[in-house]
Amino acid sequence: MNEKTKPEKEYPYIDRPMWLYSRSSDKKILALMQQMHEL
């Protein structure tokens, strides 16, 4: 059950910064994803 809620919450969060940071720099996305995992 926990596995189903994890991807659902991570999807929307990564979806926003993905196209937002994509325009700025693709490298920033990797840093953001790592920070989210740490949280």
N, C-alpha and C. Protein backbone atom coordinates (compact mmCIF):
# COMPACT_ATOMS: atom_id res chain seq x y z
N MET A 1 0.84 -1.21 0.00
CA MET A 1 0.00 0.00 0.00
C MET A 1 0.87 1.26 0.00
N ASN A 2 1.96 1.19 0.74
CA ASN A 2 2.87 2.34 0.82
C ASN A 2 3.50 2.62 -0.55
N GLU A 3 3.73 1.56 -1.29
CA GLU A 3 4.37 1.72 -2.60
C GLU A 3 3.45 2.45 -3.59
N LYS A 4 2.16 2.31 -3.38
CA LYS A 4 1.20 2.95 -4.30
C LYS A 4 1.10 4.46 -4.02
N THR A 5 1.25 4.84 -2.79
CA THR A 5 1.13 6.26 -2.43
C THR A 5 2.44 6.99 -2.71
N LYS A 6 3.53 6.27 -2.71
CA LYS A 6 4.84 6.90 -2.93
C LYS A 6 4.96 7.45 -4.36
N PRO A 7 4.74 6.63 -5.36
CA PRO A 7 4.86 7.10 -6.76
C PRO A 7 3.82 8.15 -7.12
N GLU A 8 2.65 8.01 -6.55
CA GLU A 8 1.56 8.97 -6.85
C GLU A 8 1.92 10.38 -6.38
N LYS A 9 2.57 10.46 -5.24
CA LYS A 9 2.93 11.78 -4.68
C LYS A 9 4.19 12.32 -5.36
N GLU A 10 5.06 11.43 -5.76
CA GLU A 10 6.32 11.86 -6.39
C GLU A 10 6.09 12.30 -7.84
N TYR A 11 5.11 11.70 -8.47
CA TYR A 11 4.82 12.03 -9.87
C TYR A 11 4.47 13.50 -10.08
N PRO A 12 3.47 14.00 -9.33
CA PRO A 12 3.04 15.39 -9.48
C PRO A 12 4.14 16.38 -9.09
N TYR A 13 4.91 16.00 -8.10
CA TYR A 13 5.97 16.90 -7.62
C TYR A 13 7.09 17.02 -8.64
N ILE A 14 7.43 15.89 -9.26
CA ILE A 14 8.53 15.90 -10.25
C ILE A 14 8.03 16.44 -11.59
N ASP A 15 6.74 16.26 -11.84
CA ASP A 15 6.17 16.73 -13.11
C ASP A 15 6.30 18.25 -13.24
N ARG A 16 6.08 18.95 -12.16
CA ARG A 16 6.13 20.43 -12.20
C ARG A 16 7.55 20.94 -12.47
N PRO A 17 8.50 20.56 -11.64
CA PRO A 17 9.88 21.04 -11.80
C PRO A 17 10.52 20.51 -13.08
N MET A 18 10.03 19.38 -13.57
CA MET A 18 10.61 18.78 -14.79
C MET A 18 10.59 19.77 -15.95
N TRP A 19 9.42 20.22 -16.35
CA TRP A 19 9.34 21.14 -17.49
C TRP A 19 9.77 22.56 -17.08
N LEU A 20 9.68 22.85 -15.80
CA LEU A 20 10.07 24.19 -15.32
C LEU A 20 11.59 24.35 -15.36
N TYR A 21 12.27 23.32 -14.87
CA TYR A 21 13.74 23.37 -14.83
C TYR A 21 14.34 22.94 -16.17
N SER A 22 13.57 22.15 -16.89
CA SER A 22 14.05 21.66 -18.19
C SER A 22 14.47 22.84 -19.08
N ARG A 23 13.70 23.92 -19.01
CA ARG A 23 14.00 25.11 -19.82
C ARG A 23 15.29 25.77 -19.33
N SER A 24 15.51 25.72 -18.03
CA SER A 24 16.70 26.35 -17.45
C SER A 24 17.93 25.46 -17.66
N SER A 25 17.86 24.25 -17.13
CA SER A 25 19.00 23.33 -17.26
C SER A 25 18.59 21.91 -16.88
N ASP A 26 18.94 20.96 -17.70
CA ASP A 26 18.58 19.56 -17.43
C ASP A 26 19.30 19.03 -16.20
N LYS A 27 20.46 19.59 -15.93
CA LYS A 27 21.25 19.12 -14.77
C LYS A 27 20.54 19.46 -13.46
N LYS A 28 19.78 20.51 -13.46
CA LYS A 28 19.09 20.94 -12.22
C LYS A 28 18.04 19.89 -11.83
N ILE A 29 17.47 19.25 -12.82
CA ILE A 29 16.42 18.23 -12.56
C ILE A 29 17.01 17.09 -11.74
N LEU A 30 18.20 16.67 -12.09
CA LEU A 30 18.85 15.56 -11.37
C LEU A 30 19.06 15.95 -9.92
N ALA A 31 19.47 17.17 -9.69
CA ALA A 31 19.72 17.64 -8.31
C ALA A 31 18.40 17.70 -7.55
N LEU A 32 17.35 18.11 -8.22
CA LEU A 32 16.04 18.22 -7.56
C LEU A 32 15.52 16.84 -7.19
N MET A 33 15.68 15.89 -8.11
CA MET A 33 15.20 14.52 -7.85
C MET A 33 15.94 13.94 -6.65
N GLN A 34 17.23 14.19 -6.57
CA GLN A 34 18.03 13.65 -5.45
C GLN A 34 17.58 14.27 -4.14
N GLN A 35 17.29 15.55 -4.15
CA GLN A 35 16.86 16.24 -2.92
C GLN A 35 15.51 15.70 -2.45
N MET A 36 14.63 15.41 -3.40
CA MET A 36 13.30 14.89 -3.06
C MET A 36 13.43 13.51 -2.41
N HIS A 37 14.35 12.71 -2.92
CA HIS A 37 14.55 11.37 -2.37
C HIS A 37 15.07 11.46 -0.94
N GLU A 38 15.90 12.45 -0.69
CA GLU A 38 16.47 12.62 0.66
C GLU A 38 15.37 12.99 1.65
N LEU A 39 14.44 13.81 1.18
CA LEU A 39 13.35 14.25 2.04
C LEU A 39 12.50 13.04 2.42
